[in-house]
Amino acid sequence: MKKFLPWIIIGILVIGLYSWGKGFNNTAVDLNENVKEAWGNVQTSYQRRNDLIGNLVNTVKGAADFEKSTLTAVIEARAKATSINIDPSNVTPEQLAQYNQVQGGLSGALKSLLVTVERYPELKANQNFLKLQDELTSTENTIQTARTRYNEQIKPYNKHVNRFPNSLLAGMLNFDEKPYFDAEAGAEKPVDVKFDFK
């Protein structure tokens, strides 16, 4: 019996290591799929906004003799925003920051458009425009929710791959830490609200 004891111990160790490796891998795959699904929801929300912007721009063009520079800025920002694609399985902090920056540029151009529109009473009374404005507001809220849910899916994944001893396998199996969505640049500054009653 003593001559089989080393083989029994080795067998138990091999089975234990296999079970740990299999458990780590399967959990990491499940969590990674949750991250991909959440990222897909983020992209769907941004796509909805991009689709609405086209309708908004056409409505504004048709309803007012509008400043071309503002419309051009929105159209260019929309083109930039739709040109960046990210693979959620190997997203880097730099890619996510670039994506966030481009989407923030589109948000800024859109805000500028909506502020400029305030000077056109016929646009403010246009039902199509009002409906699009409501849908954009709703879509912005959906984007925020999707980004929050993406971050919520990142947390358990990152905890799983960064905890010891899982971190030993994570590098070998290409389960790298994923970046979170950060606030847009300048979001920490207070909003300067001015009322002009002239």
N, C-alpha and C. Protein backbone atom coordinates (compact mmCIF):
# COMPACT_ATOMS: atom_id res chain seq x y z
N MET A 1 0.82 -1.20 0.00
CA MET A 1 0.00 0.00 0.00
C MET A 1 0.87 1.27 0.00
N LYS A 2 2.02 1.19 0.72
CA LYS A 2 2.88 2.37 0.82
C LYS A 2 3.45 2.77 -0.54
N LYS A 3 3.68 1.79 -1.44
CA LYS A 3 4.26 2.15 -2.73
C LYS A 3 3.26 2.87 -3.62
N PHE A 4 1.94 2.74 -3.33
CA PHE A 4 0.92 3.45 -4.11
C PHE A 4 0.57 4.82 -3.53
N LEU A 5 1.00 5.09 -2.30
CA LEU A 5 0.66 6.35 -1.62
C LEU A 5 1.12 7.58 -2.41
N PRO A 6 2.37 7.63 -2.93
CA PRO A 6 2.77 8.80 -3.72
C PRO A 6 1.89 9.00 -4.96
N TRP A 7 1.50 7.88 -5.62
CA TRP A 7 0.64 7.99 -6.80
C TRP A 7 -0.75 8.47 -6.43
N ILE A 8 -1.24 8.05 -5.31
CA ILE A 8 -2.56 8.50 -4.84
C ILE A 8 -2.52 10.00 -4.55
N ILE A 9 -1.45 10.46 -3.88
CA ILE A 9 -1.31 11.89 -3.55
C ILE A 9 -1.20 12.71 -4.85
N ILE A 10 -0.39 12.22 -5.79
CA ILE A 10 -0.24 12.92 -7.08
C ILE A 10 -1.58 12.96 -7.81
N GLY A 11 -2.30 11.85 -7.79
CA GLY A 11 -3.61 11.79 -8.43
C GLY A 11 -4.59 12.78 -7.82
N ILE A 12 -4.59 12.86 -6.49
CA ILE A 12 -5.48 13.81 -5.80
C ILE A 12 -5.10 15.25 -6.16
N LEU A 13 -3.79 15.54 -6.20
CA LEU A 13 -3.33 16.88 -6.57
C LEU A 13 -3.72 17.23 -8.01
N VAL A 14 -3.56 16.27 -8.92
CA VAL A 14 -3.90 16.51 -10.32
C VAL A 14 -5.41 16.77 -10.45
N ILE A 15 -6.21 15.96 -9.80
CA ILE A 15 -7.67 16.15 -9.85
C ILE A 15 -8.05 17.50 -9.23
N GLY A 16 -7.41 17.85 -8.11
CA GLY A 16 -7.68 19.14 -7.46
C GLY A 16 -7.32 20.32 -8.35
N LEU A 17 -6.13 20.25 -8.98
CA LEU A 17 -5.70 21.33 -9.87
C LEU A 17 -6.60 21.43 -11.10
N TYR A 18 -7.01 20.28 -11.63
CA TYR A 18 -7.91 20.26 -12.78
C TYR A 18 -9.26 20.91 -12.41
N SER A 19 -9.78 20.52 -11.25
CA SER A 19 -11.07 21.08 -10.81
C SER A 19 -10.98 22.59 -10.61
N TRP A 20 -9.88 23.04 -10.00
CA TRP A 20 -9.70 24.48 -9.79
C TRP A 20 -9.58 25.20 -11.12
N GLY A 21 -8.76 24.67 -12.04
CA GLY A 21 -8.58 25.30 -13.35
C GLY A 21 -9.88 25.33 -14.14
N LYS A 22 -10.61 24.23 -14.12
CA LYS A 22 -11.88 24.17 -14.83
C LYS A 22 -12.88 25.16 -14.22
N GLY A 23 -12.95 25.19 -12.90
CA GLY A 23 -13.88 26.12 -12.23
C GLY A 23 -13.53 27.57 -12.54
N PHE A 24 -12.22 27.89 -12.49
CA PHE A 24 -11.80 29.26 -12.80
C PHE A 24 -12.18 29.63 -14.22
N ASN A 25 -11.82 28.76 -15.17
CA ASN A 25 -12.06 29.05 -16.58
C ASN A 25 -13.55 29.21 -16.87
N ASN A 26 -14.36 28.28 -16.39
CA ASN A 26 -15.79 28.35 -16.68
C ASN A 26 -16.44 29.59 -16.07
N THR A 27 -16.05 29.94 -14.87
CA THR A 27 -16.60 31.15 -14.24
C THR A 27 -16.14 32.39 -15.00
N ALA A 28 -14.86 32.42 -15.39
CA ALA A 28 -14.34 33.58 -16.14
C ALA A 28 -15.05 33.71 -17.48
N VAL A 29 -15.31 32.59 -18.15
CA VAL A 29 -16.02 32.62 -19.43
C VAL A 29 -17.43 33.16 -19.23
N ASP A 30 -18.13 32.67 -18.20
CA ASP A 30 -19.50 33.15 -17.92
C ASP A 30 -19.51 34.65 -17.63
N LEU A 31 -18.58 35.10 -16.80
CA LEU A 31 -18.52 36.53 -16.45
C LEU A 31 -18.14 37.37 -17.66
N ASN A 32 -17.25 36.85 -18.50
CA ASN A 32 -16.84 37.56 -19.71
C ASN A 32 -18.02 37.69 -20.68
N GLU A 33 -18.84 36.66 -20.78
CA GLU A 33 -20.03 36.73 -21.63
C GLU A 33 -21.01 37.78 -21.10
N ASN A 34 -21.14 37.90 -19.79
CA ASN A 34 -21.99 38.94 -19.20
C ASN A 34 -21.48 40.33 -19.58
N VAL A 35 -20.15 40.48 -19.56
CA VAL A 35 -19.53 41.75 -19.95
C VAL A 35 -19.82 42.06 -21.42
N LYS A 36 -19.68 41.04 -22.29
CA LYS A 36 -19.95 41.25 -23.72
C LYS A 36 -21.41 41.65 -23.95
N GLU A 37 -22.32 40.99 -23.23
CA GLU A 37 -23.73 41.33 -23.37
C GLU A 37 -23.99 42.78 -22.92
N ALA A 38 -23.40 43.15 -21.80
CA ALA A 38 -23.58 44.52 -21.30
C ALA A 38 -22.98 45.53 -22.28
N TRP A 39 -21.83 45.19 -22.88
CA TRP A 39 -21.22 46.09 -23.87
C TRP A 39 -22.12 46.21 -25.10
N GLY A 40 -22.71 45.11 -25.50
CA GLY A 40 -23.65 45.14 -26.62
C GLY A 40 -24.81 46.08 -26.34
N ASN A 41 -25.29 46.10 -25.10
CA ASN A 41 -26.37 47.01 -24.72
C ASN A 41 -25.92 48.47 -24.76
N VAL A 42 -24.67 48.72 -24.39
CA VAL A 42 -24.12 50.08 -24.49
C VAL A 42 -24.10 50.51 -25.95
N GLN A 43 -23.59 49.65 -26.82
CA GLN A 43 -23.50 49.99 -28.23
C GLN A 43 -24.88 50.17 -28.86
N THR A 44 -25.84 49.36 -28.45
CA THR A 44 -27.20 49.49 -28.96
C THR A 44 -27.78 50.85 -28.58
N SER A 45 -27.53 51.29 -27.36
CA SER A 45 -28.03 52.59 -26.91
C SER A 45 -27.40 53.73 -27.70
N TYR A 46 -26.08 53.63 -27.93
CA TYR A 46 -25.41 54.66 -28.72
C TYR A 46 -25.91 54.63 -30.17
N GLN A 47 -26.15 53.44 -30.70
CA GLN A 47 -26.65 53.34 -32.07
C GLN A 47 -28.02 53.99 -32.19
N ARG A 48 -28.87 53.79 -31.19
CA ARG A 48 -30.19 54.43 -31.21
C ARG A 48 -30.04 55.95 -31.24
N ARG A 49 -29.12 56.46 -30.44
CA ARG A 49 -28.89 57.90 -30.45
C ARG A 49 -28.42 58.36 -31.82
N ASN A 50 -27.49 57.62 -32.42
CA ASN A 50 -26.98 58.00 -33.74
C ASN A 50 -28.09 58.00 -34.79
N ASP A 51 -28.99 57.03 -34.70
CA ASP A 51 -30.10 56.98 -35.64
C ASP A 51 -31.04 58.17 -35.44
N LEU A 52 -31.31 58.52 -34.19
CA LEU A 52 -32.19 59.65 -33.91
C LEU A 52 -31.58 60.97 -34.36
N ILE A 53 -30.27 61.09 -34.25
CA ILE A 53 -29.61 62.34 -34.63
C ILE A 53 -29.83 62.65 -36.10
N GLY A 54 -29.78 61.62 -36.95
CA GLY A 54 -30.04 61.84 -38.38
C GLY A 54 -31.42 62.44 -38.60
N ASN A 55 -32.41 61.90 -37.91
CA ASN A 55 -33.78 62.44 -38.02
C ASN A 55 -33.87 63.85 -37.46
N LEU A 56 -33.18 64.08 -36.36
CA LEU A 56 -33.19 65.40 -35.73
C LEU A 56 -32.59 66.45 -36.66
N VAL A 57 -31.45 66.12 -37.24
CA VAL A 57 -30.78 67.05 -38.15
C VAL A 57 -31.68 67.39 -39.34
N ASN A 58 -32.32 66.38 -39.91
CA ASN A 58 -33.21 66.62 -41.05
C ASN A 58 -34.42 67.46 -40.66
N THR A 59 -34.95 67.24 -39.48
CA THR A 59 -36.09 68.04 -39.00
C THR A 59 -35.68 69.49 -38.80
N VAL A 60 -34.52 69.68 -38.19
CA VAL A 60 -34.03 71.04 -37.94
C VAL A 60 -33.74 71.76 -39.26
N LYS A 61 -33.12 71.05 -40.22
CA LYS A 61 -32.83 71.65 -41.52
C LYS A 61 -34.10 72.12 -42.20
N GLY A 62 -35.14 71.30 -42.13
CA GLY A 62 -36.37 71.62 -42.82
C GLY A 62 -37.20 72.70 -42.15
N ALA A 63 -36.99 72.92 -40.87
CA ALA A 63 -37.86 73.83 -40.13
C ALA A 63 -37.29 75.22 -39.92
N ALA A 64 -36.02 75.42 -40.22
CA ALA A 64 -35.43 76.73 -39.93
C ALA A 64 -34.27 77.02 -40.87
N ASP A 65 -34.02 78.30 -41.03
CA ASP A 65 -32.82 78.71 -41.74
C ASP A 65 -31.71 78.63 -40.70
N PHE A 66 -31.14 77.45 -40.57
CA PHE A 66 -30.33 77.14 -39.40
C PHE A 66 -28.85 77.38 -39.63
N GLU A 67 -28.12 77.67 -38.56
CA GLU A 67 -26.68 77.85 -38.65
C GLU A 67 -26.02 76.56 -39.15
N LYS A 68 -25.36 76.66 -40.29
CA LYS A 68 -24.76 75.46 -40.88
C LYS A 68 -23.62 74.92 -40.04
N SER A 69 -22.89 75.78 -39.35
CA SER A 69 -21.74 75.31 -38.57
C SER A 69 -22.19 74.37 -37.45
N THR A 70 -23.32 74.67 -36.83
CA THR A 70 -23.81 73.82 -35.75
C THR A 70 -24.22 72.46 -36.28
N LEU A 71 -24.96 72.45 -37.40
CA LEU A 71 -25.37 71.18 -38.00
C LEU A 71 -24.17 70.39 -38.48
N THR A 72 -23.18 71.07 -39.07
CA THR A 72 -21.98 70.40 -39.55
C THR A 72 -21.24 69.75 -38.39
N ALA A 73 -21.15 70.45 -37.26
CA ALA A 73 -20.46 69.90 -36.08
C ALA A 73 -21.15 68.63 -35.60
N VAL A 74 -22.48 68.63 -35.59
CA VAL A 74 -23.22 67.44 -35.16
C VAL A 74 -22.99 66.29 -36.13
N ILE A 75 -23.07 66.58 -37.43
CA ILE A 75 -22.90 65.54 -38.45
C ILE A 75 -21.49 64.95 -38.38
N GLU A 76 -20.47 65.81 -38.22
CA GLU A 76 -19.09 65.32 -38.13
C GLU A 76 -18.87 64.50 -36.86
N ALA A 77 -19.42 64.98 -35.74
CA ALA A 77 -19.26 64.25 -34.48
C ALA A 77 -19.95 62.89 -34.56
N ARG A 78 -21.09 62.85 -35.22
CA ARG A 78 -21.81 61.58 -35.40
C ARG A 78 -20.99 60.62 -36.25
N ALA A 79 -20.37 61.12 -37.31
CA ALA A 79 -19.53 60.28 -38.17
C ALA A 79 -18.35 59.70 -37.38
N LYS A 80 -17.71 60.52 -36.55
CA LYS A 80 -16.60 60.04 -35.73
C LYS A 80 -17.07 58.98 -34.74
N ALA A 81 -18.23 59.24 -34.13
CA ALA A 81 -18.75 58.32 -33.12
C ALA A 81 -19.08 56.95 -33.70
N THR A 82 -19.54 56.93 -34.94
CA THR A 82 -19.90 55.64 -35.55
C THR A 82 -18.70 54.93 -36.17
N SER A 83 -17.55 55.61 -36.23
CA SER A 83 -16.38 55.01 -36.87
C SER A 83 -15.55 54.15 -35.93
N ILE A 84 -15.79 54.24 -34.62
CA ILE A 84 -14.99 53.49 -33.66
C ILE A 84 -15.75 52.25 -33.20
N ASN A 85 -15.11 51.10 -33.37
CA ASN A 85 -15.68 49.83 -32.88
C ASN A 85 -14.71 49.22 -31.89
N ILE A 86 -15.27 48.65 -30.83
CA ILE A 86 -14.44 48.04 -29.78
C ILE A 86 -14.88 46.60 -29.59
N ASP A 87 -13.90 45.71 -29.50
CA ASP A 87 -14.17 44.31 -29.19
C ASP A 87 -14.16 44.17 -27.67
N PRO A 88 -15.31 43.85 -27.05
CA PRO A 88 -15.37 43.82 -25.59
C PRO A 88 -14.51 42.73 -24.96
N SER A 89 -14.11 41.73 -25.73
CA SER A 89 -13.32 40.65 -25.13
C SER A 89 -11.87 41.08 -24.86
N ASN A 90 -11.38 42.08 -25.58
CA ASN A 90 -10.01 42.54 -25.30
C ASN A 90 -9.92 44.07 -25.35
N VAL A 91 -10.89 44.72 -24.74
CA VAL A 91 -10.89 46.18 -24.70
C VAL A 91 -9.78 46.67 -23.77
N THR A 92 -9.11 47.74 -24.19
CA THR A 92 -8.06 48.33 -23.37
C THR A 92 -8.57 49.64 -22.78
N PRO A 93 -7.95 50.11 -21.70
CA PRO A 93 -8.37 51.41 -21.14
C PRO A 93 -8.24 52.54 -22.16
N GLU A 94 -7.22 52.46 -23.03
CA GLU A 94 -7.02 53.51 -24.04
C GLU A 94 -8.16 53.51 -25.06
N GLN A 95 -8.55 52.30 -25.52
CA GLN A 95 -9.65 52.20 -26.48
C GLN A 95 -10.95 52.74 -25.87
N LEU A 96 -11.20 52.37 -24.62
CA LEU A 96 -12.43 52.82 -23.97
C LEU A 96 -12.40 54.34 -23.76
N ALA A 97 -11.24 54.88 -23.42
CA ALA A 97 -11.12 56.34 -23.25
C ALA A 97 -11.36 57.06 -24.57
N GLN A 98 -10.82 56.50 -25.67
CA GLN A 98 -11.02 57.11 -26.99
C GLN A 98 -12.50 57.04 -27.38
N TYR A 99 -13.12 55.90 -27.14
CA TYR A 99 -14.55 55.73 -27.43
C TYR A 99 -15.38 56.73 -26.62
N ASN A 100 -15.04 56.83 -25.35
CA ASN A 100 -15.75 57.76 -24.45
C ASN A 100 -15.56 59.20 -24.91
N GLN A 101 -14.36 59.55 -25.35
CA GLN A 101 -14.07 60.90 -25.80
C GLN A 101 -14.88 61.25 -27.05
N VAL A 102 -14.95 60.32 -27.99
CA VAL A 102 -15.68 60.57 -29.24
C VAL A 102 -17.17 60.68 -28.95
N GLN A 103 -17.68 59.80 -28.10
CA GLN A 103 -19.11 59.88 -27.75
C GLN A 103 -19.40 61.17 -26.97
N GLY A 104 -18.45 61.59 -26.14
CA GLY A 104 -18.60 62.86 -25.43
C GLY A 104 -18.62 64.05 -26.38
N GLY A 105 -17.82 63.97 -27.44
CA GLY A 105 -17.82 65.03 -28.46
C GLY A 105 -19.17 65.12 -29.15
N LEU A 106 -19.78 63.97 -29.41
CA LEU A 106 -21.11 63.96 -30.01
C LEU A 106 -22.14 64.53 -29.04
N SER A 107 -22.02 64.16 -27.78
CA SER A 107 -22.95 64.71 -26.76
C SER A 107 -22.84 66.23 -26.70
N GLY A 108 -21.60 66.74 -26.75
CA GLY A 108 -21.39 68.19 -26.71
C GLY A 108 -21.98 68.89 -27.92
N ALA A 109 -21.77 68.31 -29.11
CA ALA A 109 -22.31 68.89 -30.34
C ALA A 109 -23.83 68.88 -30.31
N LEU A 110 -24.39 67.82 -29.78
CA LEU A 110 -25.84 67.70 -29.68
C LEU A 110 -26.41 68.73 -28.71
N LYS A 111 -25.74 68.92 -27.58
CA LYS A 111 -26.19 69.94 -26.62
C LYS A 111 -26.14 71.32 -27.25
N SER A 112 -25.08 71.58 -28.00
CA SER A 112 -24.95 72.87 -28.68
C SER A 112 -26.09 73.07 -29.67
N LEU A 113 -26.43 72.01 -30.40
CA LEU A 113 -27.54 72.09 -31.34
C LEU A 113 -28.85 72.41 -30.62
N LEU A 114 -29.11 71.73 -29.53
CA LEU A 114 -30.37 71.93 -28.81
C LEU A 114 -30.43 73.33 -28.17
N VAL A 115 -29.30 73.85 -27.73
CA VAL A 115 -29.28 75.21 -27.18
C VAL A 115 -29.54 76.23 -28.28
N THR A 116 -28.92 76.02 -29.45
CA THR A 116 -29.10 76.94 -30.57
C THR A 116 -30.54 76.95 -31.06
N VAL A 117 -31.18 75.78 -30.99
CA VAL A 117 -32.56 75.64 -31.44
C VAL A 117 -33.52 76.55 -30.66
N GLU A 118 -33.16 76.87 -29.44
CA GLU A 118 -34.03 77.71 -28.60
C GLU A 118 -34.35 79.06 -29.26
N ARG A 119 -33.52 79.49 -30.20
CA ARG A 119 -33.75 80.77 -30.87
C ARG A 119 -34.79 80.71 -31.99
N TYR A 120 -35.30 79.51 -32.24
CA TYR A 120 -36.24 79.32 -33.34
C TYR A 120 -37.61 78.89 -32.84
N PRO A 121 -38.53 79.85 -32.66
CA PRO A 121 -39.84 79.51 -32.11
C PRO A 121 -40.61 78.50 -32.96
N GLU A 122 -40.43 78.56 -34.30
CA GLU A 122 -41.16 77.61 -35.15
C GLU A 122 -40.69 76.17 -34.92
N LEU A 123 -39.40 76.01 -34.53
CA LEU A 123 -38.89 74.68 -34.23
C LEU A 123 -39.43 74.18 -32.89
N LYS A 124 -39.49 75.09 -31.92
CA LYS A 124 -39.98 74.69 -30.60
C LYS A 124 -41.44 74.26 -30.67
N ALA A 125 -42.17 74.72 -31.67
CA ALA A 125 -43.57 74.35 -31.82
C ALA A 125 -43.75 73.14 -32.74
N ASN A 126 -42.69 72.68 -33.40
CA ASN A 126 -42.77 71.56 -34.33
C ASN A 126 -42.90 70.25 -33.54
N GLN A 127 -44.00 69.54 -33.74
CA GLN A 127 -44.27 68.32 -32.97
C GLN A 127 -43.23 67.23 -33.24
N ASN A 128 -42.78 67.12 -34.49
CA ASN A 128 -41.76 66.12 -34.81
C ASN A 128 -40.47 66.41 -34.04
N PHE A 129 -40.10 67.68 -33.99
CA PHE A 129 -38.89 68.06 -33.27
C PHE A 129 -39.03 67.77 -31.78
N LEU A 130 -40.18 68.13 -31.22
CA LEU A 130 -40.40 67.91 -29.79
C LEU A 130 -40.35 66.41 -29.46
N LYS A 131 -40.93 65.61 -30.34
CA LYS A 131 -40.91 64.16 -30.12
C LYS A 131 -39.48 63.63 -30.18
N LEU A 132 -38.71 64.09 -31.18
CA LEU A 132 -37.31 63.66 -31.29
C LEU A 132 -36.50 64.10 -30.07
N GLN A 133 -36.76 65.31 -29.60
CA GLN A 133 -36.05 65.82 -28.43
C GLN A 133 -36.34 64.94 -27.21
N ASP A 134 -37.61 64.55 -27.04
CA ASP A 134 -37.97 63.65 -25.94
C ASP A 134 -37.30 62.29 -26.09
N GLU A 135 -37.28 61.78 -27.31
CA GLU A 135 -36.64 60.49 -27.54
C GLU A 135 -35.14 60.54 -27.28
N LEU A 136 -34.51 61.66 -27.65
CA LEU A 136 -33.07 61.82 -27.38
C LEU A 136 -32.81 61.86 -25.88
N THR A 137 -33.65 62.57 -25.15
CA THR A 137 -33.50 62.63 -23.70
C THR A 137 -33.63 61.23 -23.11
N SER A 138 -34.63 60.51 -23.56
CA SER A 138 -34.84 59.13 -23.09
C SER A 138 -33.64 58.26 -23.45
N THR A 139 -33.10 58.44 -24.65
CA THR A 139 -31.96 57.64 -25.10
C THR A 139 -30.72 57.96 -24.28
N GLU A 140 -30.52 59.24 -23.95
CA GLU A 140 -29.37 59.60 -23.11
C GLU A 140 -29.47 58.91 -21.75
N ASN A 141 -30.68 58.83 -21.20
CA ASN A 141 -30.87 58.12 -19.94
C ASN A 141 -30.59 56.63 -20.10
N THR A 142 -31.00 56.07 -21.24
CA THR A 142 -30.75 54.66 -21.51
C THR A 142 -29.25 54.40 -21.65
N ILE A 143 -28.54 55.32 -22.29
CA ILE A 143 -27.08 55.19 -22.43
C ILE A 143 -26.43 55.17 -21.05
N GLN A 144 -26.86 56.09 -20.18
CA GLN A 144 -26.29 56.14 -18.83
C GLN A 144 -26.55 54.84 -18.08
N THR A 145 -27.77 54.32 -18.21
CA THR A 145 -28.12 53.07 -17.55
C THR A 145 -27.28 51.92 -18.10
N ALA A 146 -27.13 51.87 -19.43
CA ALA A 146 -26.34 50.79 -20.06
C ALA A 146 -24.88 50.86 -19.63
N ARG A 147 -24.34 52.06 -19.53
CA ARG A 147 -22.94 52.21 -19.09
C ARG A 147 -22.79 51.77 -17.63
N THR A 148 -23.77 52.12 -16.80
CA THR A 148 -23.72 51.71 -15.40
C THR A 148 -23.79 50.19 -15.29
N ARG A 149 -24.68 49.58 -16.06
CA ARG A 149 -24.80 48.12 -16.03
C ARG A 149 -23.54 47.44 -16.57
N TYR A 150 -22.90 48.06 -17.55
CA TYR A 150 -21.63 47.53 -18.05
C TYR A 150 -20.60 47.52 -16.92
N ASN A 151 -20.48 48.64 -16.22
CA ASN A 151 -19.55 48.71 -15.09
C ASN A 151 -19.89 47.68 -14.02
N GLU A 152 -21.19 47.44 -13.80
CA GLU A 152 -21.61 46.45 -12.81
C GLU A 152 -21.19 45.04 -13.23
N GLN A 153 -21.16 44.76 -14.53
CA GLN A 153 -20.73 43.45 -15.01
C GLN A 153 -19.20 43.31 -14.98
N ILE A 154 -18.50 44.42 -15.12
CA ILE A 154 -17.04 44.40 -15.09
C ILE A 154 -16.53 44.04 -13.69
N LYS A 155 -17.20 44.55 -12.67
CA LYS A 155 -16.71 44.37 -11.30
C LYS A 155 -16.54 42.90 -10.90
N PRO A 156 -17.56 42.02 -11.05
CA PRO A 156 -17.33 40.63 -10.65
C PRO A 156 -16.29 39.92 -11.53
N TYR A 157 -16.24 40.30 -12.81
CA TYR A 157 -15.23 39.71 -13.69
C TYR A 157 -13.83 40.08 -13.20
N ASN A 158 -13.59 41.38 -12.98
CA ASN A 158 -12.27 41.83 -12.54
C ASN A 158 -11.90 41.22 -11.18
N LYS A 159 -12.87 41.13 -10.27
CA LYS A 159 -12.60 40.52 -8.97
C LYS A 159 -12.20 39.06 -9.14
N HIS A 160 -12.87 38.37 -10.03
CA HIS A 160 -12.60 36.95 -10.24
C HIS A 160 -11.19 36.72 -10.80
N VAL A 161 -10.80 37.52 -11.81
CA VAL A 161 -9.49 37.28 -12.43
C VAL A 161 -8.33 37.88 -11.65
N ASN A 162 -8.61 38.83 -10.74
CA ASN A 162 -7.52 39.47 -10.00
C ASN A 162 -7.24 38.84 -8.64
N ARG A 163 -8.18 38.06 -8.12
CA ARG A 163 -7.96 37.43 -6.81
C ARG A 163 -6.96 36.28 -6.92
N PHE A 164 -6.15 36.17 -5.87
CA PHE A 164 -5.21 35.06 -5.79
C PHE A 164 -5.98 33.83 -5.30
N PRO A 165 -5.74 32.67 -5.84
CA PRO A 165 -4.76 32.23 -6.82
C PRO A 165 -5.25 32.33 -8.26
N ASN A 166 -6.48 32.83 -8.47
CA ASN A 166 -7.00 32.93 -9.85
C ASN A 166 -6.11 33.76 -10.75
N SER A 167 -5.47 34.77 -10.17
CA SER A 167 -4.61 35.65 -10.98
C SER A 167 -3.47 34.87 -11.63
N LEU A 168 -3.08 33.73 -11.04
CA LEU A 168 -2.03 32.92 -11.64
C LEU A 168 -2.49 32.33 -12.97
N LEU A 169 -3.74 31.90 -13.03
CA LEU A 169 -4.28 31.32 -14.27
C LEU A 169 -4.73 32.39 -15.25
N ALA A 170 -5.19 33.52 -14.75
CA ALA A 170 -5.79 34.56 -15.60
C ALA A 170 -4.83 34.98 -16.72
N GLY A 171 -3.58 35.21 -16.38
CA GLY A 171 -2.61 35.63 -17.38
C GLY A 171 -2.33 34.55 -18.41
N MET A 172 -2.26 33.30 -17.95
CA MET A 172 -1.98 32.19 -18.88
C MET A 172 -3.15 31.94 -19.83
N LEU A 173 -4.37 32.19 -19.37
CA LEU A 173 -5.57 31.90 -20.17
C LEU A 173 -6.12 33.16 -20.87
N ASN A 174 -5.37 34.26 -20.82
CA ASN A 174 -5.76 35.52 -21.48
C ASN A 174 -7.08 36.10 -20.95
N PHE A 175 -7.27 36.02 -19.65
CA PHE A 175 -8.39 36.70 -19.01
C PHE A 175 -7.82 37.93 -18.30
N ASP A 176 -7.70 39.02 -19.06
CA ASP A 176 -7.11 40.24 -18.52
C ASP A 176 -8.18 41.11 -17.88
N GLU A 177 -7.74 41.97 -16.97
CA GLU A 177 -8.65 42.92 -16.33
C GLU A 177 -9.24 43.84 -17.40
N LYS A 178 -10.51 44.21 -17.21
CA LYS A 178 -11.19 45.08 -18.18
C LYS A 178 -11.40 46.46 -17.56
N PRO A 179 -11.34 47.51 -18.40
CA PRO A 179 -11.50 48.87 -17.87
C PRO A 179 -12.97 49.22 -17.65
N TYR A 180 -13.19 50.12 -16.72
CA TYR A 180 -14.52 50.65 -16.45
C TYR A 180 -14.77 51.87 -17.32
N PHE A 181 -16.05 52.18 -17.54
CA PHE A 181 -16.41 53.46 -18.13
C PHE A 181 -16.16 54.53 -17.08
N ASP A 182 -15.45 55.58 -17.45
CA ASP A 182 -15.24 56.72 -16.57
C ASP A 182 -16.19 57.84 -16.99
N ALA A 183 -16.29 58.82 -16.15
CA ALA A 183 -17.08 60.00 -16.50
C ALA A 183 -16.41 60.71 -17.68
N GLU A 184 -17.21 61.43 -18.44
CA GLU A 184 -16.66 62.18 -19.55
C GLU A 184 -15.76 63.29 -19.02
N ALA A 185 -14.78 63.67 -19.82
CA ALA A 185 -13.84 64.71 -19.42
C ALA A 185 -14.60 66.00 -19.10
N GLY A 186 -14.28 66.60 -17.97
CA GLY A 186 -14.91 67.85 -17.57
C GLY A 186 -16.19 67.66 -16.77
N ALA A 187 -16.60 66.41 -16.55
CA ALA A 187 -17.84 66.16 -15.83
C ALA A 187 -17.74 66.57 -14.36
N GLU A 188 -16.51 66.69 -13.86
CA GLU A 188 -16.33 67.05 -12.46
C GLU A 188 -16.54 68.54 -12.21
N LYS A 189 -16.54 69.34 -13.29
CA LYS A 189 -16.72 70.79 -13.15
C LYS A 189 -18.19 71.13 -12.98
N PRO A 190 -18.49 72.11 -12.15
CA PRO A 190 -19.90 72.50 -11.99
C PRO A 190 -20.43 73.14 -13.28
N VAL A 191 -21.71 72.94 -13.52
CA VAL A 191 -22.35 73.51 -14.70
C VAL A 191 -22.58 74.99 -14.46
N ASP A 192 -22.20 75.80 -15.45
CA ASP A 192 -22.38 77.25 -15.35
C ASP A 192 -23.72 77.59 -15.98
N VAL A 193 -24.70 77.89 -15.14
CA VAL A 193 -26.05 78.21 -15.62
C VAL A 193 -26.23 79.72 -15.59
N LYS A 194 -26.62 80.28 -16.74
CA LYS A 194 -26.86 81.72 -16.83
C LYS A 194 -28.25 81.94 -17.42
N PHE A 195 -28.97 82.83 -16.81
CA PHE A 195 -30.28 83.20 -17.32
C PHE A 195 -30.19 84.58 -17.93
N ASP A 196 -30.58 84.69 -19.19
CA ASP A 196 -30.56 85.96 -19.88
C ASP A 196 -32.00 86.37 -20.14
N PHE A 197 -32.51 87.36 -19.38
CA PHE A 197 -33.89 87.77 -19.49
C PHE A 197 -34.09 88.99 -20.38
N LYS A 198 -33.11 89.31 -21.21
CA LYS A 198 -33.23 90.48 -22.08
C LYS A 198 -34.17 90.22 -23.22
